[in-house]
């Protein structure tokens, strides 16, 4: 996989699905335990504490981390965060930052503090 290194994702993990919904996980194992096949097909982007894309795949019946991008994907992460806050909350997204770790922490803090609209299943 081009641009991907095989090393560990660092929590917290920000997982976005095809409804632009955001879930925040405080550990890799919690995220992987929560994901099931075929629900993984609804996952469109996962970022770790450093703003790097986390690539998931299915091995047998388990979801596993295939790799983590070598560098942050801060623009994509910001766009997804802003879409989530616009679509699913009544609050503003966190202020943009050029520091990926700082930005991810601000997303996690804001996520915990803002009321969310209920997600309707497809």
N, C-alpha and C. Protein backbone atom coordinates (compact mmCIF):
# COMPACT_ATOMS: atom_id res chain seq x y z
N UNK A 1 0.85 -1.18 0.00
CA UNK A 1 0.00 0.00 0.00
C UNK A 1 0.89 1.23 0.00
N UNK A 2 0.74 2.07 -0.95
CA UNK A 2 1.57 3.25 -1.13
C UNK A 2 1.34 4.27 -0.03
N UNK A 3 2.43 4.83 0.52
CA UNK A 3 2.33 5.85 1.55
C UNK A 3 1.91 5.34 2.90
N UNK A 4 1.93 4.05 3.09
CA UNK A 4 1.51 3.47 4.36
C UNK A 4 2.67 2.73 4.99
N UNK A 5 2.85 2.95 6.28
CA UNK A 5 3.85 2.21 7.03
C UNK A 5 3.11 1.24 7.93
N UNK A 6 3.74 0.15 8.25
CA UNK A 6 3.11 -0.83 9.13
C UNK A 6 3.57 -0.58 10.56
N UNK A 7 2.86 0.25 11.26
CA UNK A 7 3.11 0.48 12.68
C UNK A 7 1.79 0.76 13.37
N UNK A 8 1.84 0.91 14.66
CA UNK A 8 0.62 1.02 15.44
C UNK A 8 -0.06 2.37 15.32
N UNK A 9 -1.36 2.33 15.32
CA UNK A 9 -2.16 3.54 15.42
C UNK A 9 -2.13 3.99 16.87
N UNK A 10 -2.13 5.29 17.07
CA UNK A 10 -2.07 5.84 18.42
C UNK A 10 -3.41 6.46 18.80
N UNK A 11 -4.04 5.97 19.88
CA UNK A 11 -5.32 6.54 20.30
C UNK A 11 -5.13 7.96 20.84
N UNK A 12 -6.21 8.75 20.80
CA UNK A 12 -7.56 8.38 20.43
C UNK A 12 -7.72 8.21 18.92
N UNK A 13 -8.74 7.44 18.55
CA UNK A 13 -9.02 7.17 17.14
C UNK A 13 -10.36 7.80 16.78
N UNK A 14 -10.38 8.50 15.65
CA UNK A 14 -11.59 9.15 15.16
C UNK A 14 -12.08 8.38 13.95
N UNK A 15 -13.25 7.77 14.07
CA UNK A 15 -13.79 6.93 13.01
C UNK A 15 -15.01 7.61 12.40
N UNK A 16 -15.00 7.78 11.08
CA UNK A 16 -16.11 8.40 10.35
C UNK A 16 -16.77 7.35 9.48
N UNK A 17 -18.12 7.34 9.48
CA UNK A 17 -18.83 6.40 8.63
C UNK A 17 -19.44 7.11 7.43
N UNK A 18 -20.13 6.36 6.61
CA UNK A 18 -20.68 6.90 5.38
C UNK A 18 -21.87 7.84 5.60
N UNK A 19 -22.30 8.02 6.84
CA UNK A 19 -23.33 9.01 7.19
C UNK A 19 -22.69 10.28 7.75
N UNK A 20 -21.36 10.38 7.68
CA UNK A 20 -20.60 11.50 8.25
C UNK A 20 -20.62 11.52 9.77
N UNK A 21 -21.02 10.39 10.37
CA UNK A 21 -21.05 10.26 11.83
C UNK A 21 -19.63 10.00 12.34
N UNK A 22 -19.32 10.56 13.50
CA UNK A 22 -18.01 10.39 14.13
C UNK A 22 -18.16 9.57 15.40
N UNK A 23 -17.31 8.56 15.56
CA UNK A 23 -17.16 7.84 16.81
C UNK A 23 -15.73 8.03 17.27
N UNK A 24 -15.55 8.24 18.56
CA UNK A 24 -14.22 8.42 19.14
C UNK A 24 -13.92 7.21 20.03
N UNK A 25 -12.74 6.63 19.84
CA UNK A 25 -12.33 5.46 20.62
C UNK A 25 -11.05 5.79 21.38
N UNK A 26 -11.01 5.38 22.64
CA UNK A 26 -9.84 5.64 23.46
C UNK A 26 -8.78 4.55 23.38
N UNK A 27 -9.06 3.49 22.62
CA UNK A 27 -8.06 2.45 22.43
C UNK A 27 -8.30 1.73 21.11
N UNK A 28 -7.25 1.18 20.57
CA UNK A 28 -7.35 0.42 19.32
C UNK A 28 -8.23 -0.80 19.54
N UNK A 29 -8.03 -1.50 20.66
CA UNK A 29 -8.79 -2.73 20.90
C UNK A 29 -10.28 -2.45 21.01
N UNK A 30 -10.68 -1.34 21.65
CA UNK A 30 -12.12 -1.01 21.73
C UNK A 30 -12.71 -0.76 20.35
N UNK A 31 -11.94 -0.05 19.51
CA UNK A 31 -12.45 0.22 18.17
C UNK A 31 -12.60 -1.09 17.39
N UNK A 32 -11.57 -1.92 17.43
CA UNK A 32 -11.62 -3.17 16.67
C UNK A 32 -12.68 -4.11 17.20
N UNK A 33 -12.89 -4.13 18.53
CA UNK A 33 -13.94 -4.96 19.12
C UNK A 33 -15.33 -4.49 18.70
N UNK A 34 -15.48 -3.19 18.52
CA UNK A 34 -16.78 -2.61 18.16
C UNK A 34 -17.12 -2.87 16.69
N UNK A 35 -16.11 -2.90 15.84
CA UNK A 35 -16.35 -3.07 14.40
C UNK A 35 -16.57 -4.52 14.05
N UNK A 36 -17.51 -4.75 13.18
CA UNK A 36 -17.80 -6.11 12.72
C UNK A 36 -17.92 -6.09 11.21
N UNK A 37 -17.67 -7.22 10.62
CA UNK A 37 -17.94 -7.37 9.20
C UNK A 37 -19.43 -7.69 9.08
N UNK A 38 -20.21 -7.10 8.24
CA UNK A 38 -19.87 -6.20 7.14
C UNK A 38 -19.97 -4.72 7.49
N UNK A 39 -20.19 -4.35 8.77
CA UNK A 39 -20.31 -2.94 9.14
C UNK A 39 -19.07 -2.14 8.78
N UNK A 40 -17.94 -2.80 8.66
CA UNK A 40 -16.72 -2.09 8.28
C UNK A 40 -16.86 -1.43 6.92
N UNK A 41 -17.76 -1.94 6.09
CA UNK A 41 -17.98 -1.34 4.77
C UNK A 41 -18.53 0.08 4.87
N UNK A 42 -19.10 0.43 6.02
CA UNK A 42 -19.63 1.77 6.23
C UNK A 42 -18.57 2.76 6.71
N UNK A 43 -17.41 2.27 7.09
CA UNK A 43 -16.32 3.13 7.57
C UNK A 43 -15.64 3.78 6.36
N UNK A 44 -15.53 5.10 6.38
CA UNK A 44 -14.92 5.79 5.26
C UNK A 44 -13.56 6.41 5.60
N UNK A 45 -13.31 6.68 6.88
CA UNK A 45 -12.03 7.28 7.26
C UNK A 45 -11.82 7.08 8.75
N UNK A 46 -10.58 6.74 9.12
CA UNK A 46 -10.19 6.63 10.51
C UNK A 46 -8.88 7.39 10.66
N UNK A 47 -8.78 8.21 11.69
CA UNK A 47 -7.55 8.94 11.97
C UNK A 47 -7.10 8.63 13.39
N UNK A 48 -5.78 8.62 13.59
CA UNK A 48 -5.26 8.40 14.94
C UNK A 48 -4.90 9.73 15.59
N UNK A 49 -4.28 9.69 16.76
CA UNK A 49 -3.96 10.88 17.54
C UNK A 49 -3.04 11.84 16.79
N UNK A 50 -2.33 11.33 15.80
CA UNK A 50 -1.41 12.15 15.01
C UNK A 50 -2.03 12.62 13.70
N UNK A 51 -3.33 12.37 13.51
CA UNK A 51 -4.01 12.78 12.30
C UNK A 51 -3.69 11.92 11.09
N UNK A 52 -3.08 10.75 11.33
CA UNK A 52 -2.72 9.84 10.23
C UNK A 52 -3.90 8.92 9.93
N UNK A 53 -4.10 8.63 8.65
CA UNK A 53 -5.16 7.71 8.25
C UNK A 53 -4.81 6.30 8.70
N UNK A 54 -5.78 5.63 9.28
CA UNK A 54 -5.63 4.24 9.73
C UNK A 54 -6.42 3.39 8.74
N UNK A 55 -5.74 2.44 8.11
CA UNK A 55 -6.36 1.60 7.09
C UNK A 55 -6.79 0.27 7.71
N UNK A 56 -8.07 -0.05 7.58
CA UNK A 56 -8.64 -1.26 8.16
C UNK A 56 -8.89 -2.29 7.07
N UNK A 57 -8.88 -3.54 7.47
CA UNK A 57 -9.26 -4.62 6.56
C UNK A 57 -9.87 -5.74 7.38
N UNK A 58 -10.36 -6.75 6.70
CA UNK A 58 -10.98 -7.89 7.36
C UNK A 58 -10.08 -9.10 7.15
N UNK A 59 -9.78 -9.79 8.25
CA UNK A 59 -9.01 -11.03 8.21
C UNK A 59 -9.89 -12.11 8.83
N UNK A 60 -10.40 -12.99 7.99
CA UNK A 60 -11.37 -13.98 8.48
C UNK A 60 -12.64 -13.26 8.88
N UNK A 61 -12.97 -13.31 10.16
CA UNK A 61 -14.14 -12.60 10.66
C UNK A 61 -13.77 -11.43 11.55
N UNK A 62 -12.48 -11.07 11.57
CA UNK A 62 -12.03 -9.98 12.43
C UNK A 62 -11.62 -8.77 11.61
N UNK A 63 -11.86 -7.59 12.18
CA UNK A 63 -11.37 -6.35 11.60
C UNK A 63 -9.99 -6.11 12.18
N UNK A 64 -9.03 -5.79 11.32
CA UNK A 64 -7.65 -5.56 11.74
C UNK A 64 -7.14 -4.26 11.12
N UNK A 65 -6.08 -3.74 11.72
CA UNK A 65 -5.42 -2.58 11.14
C UNK A 65 -4.41 -3.08 10.13
N UNK A 66 -4.60 -2.65 8.90
CA UNK A 66 -3.72 -3.04 7.80
C UNK A 66 -2.46 -2.18 7.80
N UNK A 67 -2.59 -0.94 8.17
CA UNK A 67 -1.46 -0.03 8.20
C UNK A 67 -1.90 1.37 8.60
N UNK A 68 -0.92 2.22 8.82
CA UNK A 68 -1.17 3.60 9.21
C UNK A 68 -0.35 4.49 8.27
N UNK A 69 -0.97 5.54 7.77
CA UNK A 69 -0.27 6.44 6.86
C UNK A 69 0.97 7.02 7.52
N UNK A 70 1.97 7.30 6.72
CA UNK A 70 3.23 7.81 7.22
C UNK A 70 3.12 9.25 7.72
N UNK A 71 2.18 10.02 7.16
CA UNK A 71 2.06 11.42 7.57
C UNK A 71 0.59 11.78 7.78
N UNK A 72 0.35 12.86 8.52
CA UNK A 72 -1.03 13.27 8.80
C UNK A 72 -1.80 13.64 7.54
N UNK A 73 -3.10 13.38 7.57
CA UNK A 73 -4.02 13.81 6.52
C UNK A 73 -4.94 14.87 7.14
N UNK A 74 -4.32 15.97 7.53
CA UNK A 74 -5.01 16.99 8.32
C UNK A 74 -6.15 17.66 7.54
N UNK A 75 -5.99 17.92 6.26
CA UNK A 75 -7.07 18.55 5.49
C UNK A 75 -8.30 17.66 5.42
N UNK A 76 -8.10 16.38 5.13
CA UNK A 76 -9.25 15.46 5.07
C UNK A 76 -9.90 15.34 6.44
N UNK A 77 -9.09 15.24 7.48
CA UNK A 77 -9.62 15.12 8.83
C UNK A 77 -10.45 16.35 9.19
N UNK A 78 -9.93 17.54 8.92
CA UNK A 78 -10.67 18.78 9.22
C UNK A 78 -12.02 18.81 8.48
N UNK A 79 -12.00 18.46 7.19
CA UNK A 79 -13.24 18.47 6.41
C UNK A 79 -14.27 17.52 7.00
N UNK A 80 -13.84 16.33 7.38
CA UNK A 80 -14.76 15.34 7.94
C UNK A 80 -15.30 15.80 9.30
N UNK A 81 -14.43 16.37 10.12
CA UNK A 81 -14.85 16.87 11.43
C UNK A 81 -15.88 17.98 11.26
N UNK A 82 -15.60 18.91 10.37
CA UNK A 82 -16.52 20.03 10.16
C UNK A 82 -17.87 19.56 9.61
N UNK A 83 -17.85 18.57 8.73
CA UNK A 83 -19.09 18.00 8.21
C UNK A 83 -19.89 17.34 9.33
N UNK A 84 -19.21 16.57 10.18
CA UNK A 84 -19.89 15.92 11.31
C UNK A 84 -20.56 16.96 12.21
N UNK A 85 -19.80 17.98 12.61
CA UNK A 85 -20.36 18.97 13.52
C UNK A 85 -21.52 19.72 12.88
N UNK A 86 -21.42 20.01 11.59
CA UNK A 86 -22.49 20.71 10.89
C UNK A 86 -23.74 19.83 10.78
N UNK A 87 -23.54 18.57 10.46
CA UNK A 87 -24.68 17.68 10.20
C UNK A 87 -25.29 17.09 11.47
N UNK A 88 -24.49 16.78 12.47
CA UNK A 88 -24.96 15.99 13.60
C UNK A 88 -24.97 16.70 14.95
N UNK A 89 -24.53 17.96 15.01
CA UNK A 89 -24.55 18.67 16.29
C UNK A 89 -25.12 20.07 16.09
N UNK A 90 -25.42 20.71 17.20
CA UNK A 90 -25.85 22.10 17.16
C UNK A 90 -24.69 23.02 17.55
N UNK A 91 -23.51 22.45 17.67
CA UNK A 91 -22.34 23.23 18.05
C UNK A 91 -21.37 23.41 16.90
N UNK A 92 -20.46 24.33 17.10
CA UNK A 92 -19.42 24.60 16.11
C UNK A 92 -18.29 23.58 16.25
N UNK A 93 -17.62 23.28 15.15
CA UNK A 93 -16.47 22.39 15.24
C UNK A 93 -15.33 23.08 15.98
N UNK A 94 -14.36 22.32 16.43
CA UNK A 94 -13.22 22.95 17.09
C UNK A 94 -12.44 23.82 16.11
N UNK A 95 -11.74 24.77 16.67
CA UNK A 95 -10.92 25.67 15.87
C UNK A 95 -9.85 24.88 15.12
N UNK A 96 -9.60 25.25 13.88
CA UNK A 96 -8.57 24.58 13.08
C UNK A 96 -7.19 24.81 13.70
N UNK A 97 -6.36 23.82 13.59
CA UNK A 97 -4.98 23.91 14.07
C UNK A 97 -4.09 23.22 13.05
N UNK A 98 -2.86 23.70 12.93
CA UNK A 98 -1.90 23.07 12.03
C UNK A 98 -1.13 21.95 12.72
N UNK A 99 -1.33 21.81 14.02
CA UNK A 99 -0.68 20.74 14.79
C UNK A 99 -1.67 19.58 14.88
N UNK A 100 -1.40 18.45 14.20
CA UNK A 100 -2.36 17.34 14.19
C UNK A 100 -2.74 16.83 15.57
N UNK A 101 -1.77 16.68 16.47
CA UNK A 101 -2.07 16.16 17.82
C UNK A 101 -2.98 17.13 18.57
N UNK A 102 -2.67 18.40 18.47
CA UNK A 102 -3.48 19.42 19.14
C UNK A 102 -4.90 19.43 18.56
N UNK A 103 -5.00 19.32 17.25
CA UNK A 103 -6.31 19.34 16.61
C UNK A 103 -7.14 18.12 17.02
N UNK A 104 -6.55 16.94 17.00
CA UNK A 104 -7.28 15.72 17.40
C UNK A 104 -7.75 15.85 18.84
N UNK A 105 -6.91 16.35 19.73
CA UNK A 105 -7.32 16.52 21.13
C UNK A 105 -8.48 17.52 21.23
N UNK A 106 -8.45 18.58 20.43
CA UNK A 106 -9.55 19.54 20.48
C UNK A 106 -10.84 18.93 19.95
N UNK A 107 -10.74 18.05 18.95
CA UNK A 107 -11.91 17.35 18.44
C UNK A 107 -12.51 16.46 19.53
N UNK A 108 -11.66 15.71 20.21
CA UNK A 108 -12.13 14.81 21.27
C UNK A 108 -12.80 15.61 22.38
N UNK A 109 -12.21 16.72 22.79
CA UNK A 109 -12.80 17.55 23.85
C UNK A 109 -14.14 18.13 23.42
N UNK A 110 -14.21 18.63 22.21
CA UNK A 110 -15.45 19.22 21.70
C UNK A 110 -16.52 18.16 21.51
N UNK A 111 -16.13 16.99 21.03
CA UNK A 111 -17.04 15.86 20.81
C UNK A 111 -17.73 15.49 22.12
N UNK A 112 -16.99 15.50 23.21
CA UNK A 112 -17.53 15.13 24.52
C UNK A 112 -18.46 16.19 25.09
N UNK A 113 -18.30 17.44 24.64
CA UNK A 113 -19.03 18.55 25.26
C UNK A 113 -20.27 18.99 24.50
N UNK A 114 -20.38 18.66 23.23
CA UNK A 114 -21.47 19.20 22.42
C UNK A 114 -22.63 18.20 22.32
N UNK A 115 -23.87 18.69 22.45
CA UNK A 115 -25.02 17.79 22.26
C UNK A 115 -25.12 17.35 20.80
N UNK A 116 -25.47 16.09 20.62
CA UNK A 116 -25.58 15.54 19.27
C UNK A 116 -27.03 15.21 18.95
N UNK A 117 -27.34 15.34 17.68
CA UNK A 117 -28.65 14.91 17.20
C UNK A 117 -28.63 13.40 17.10
N UNK A 118 -29.78 12.77 17.16
CA UNK A 118 -29.78 11.32 17.08
C UNK A 118 -29.50 10.87 15.66
N UNK A 119 -28.77 9.81 15.57
CA UNK A 119 -28.43 9.24 14.26
C UNK A 119 -29.52 8.27 13.87
N UNK A 120 -30.05 8.47 12.69
CA UNK A 120 -31.07 7.55 12.17
C UNK A 120 -30.39 6.56 11.27
N UNK A 121 -30.65 5.30 11.49
CA UNK A 121 -30.06 4.24 10.67
C UNK A 121 -30.70 4.23 9.30
N UNK A 122 -29.93 3.79 8.32
CA UNK A 122 -30.44 3.67 6.95
C UNK A 122 -31.45 2.57 6.86
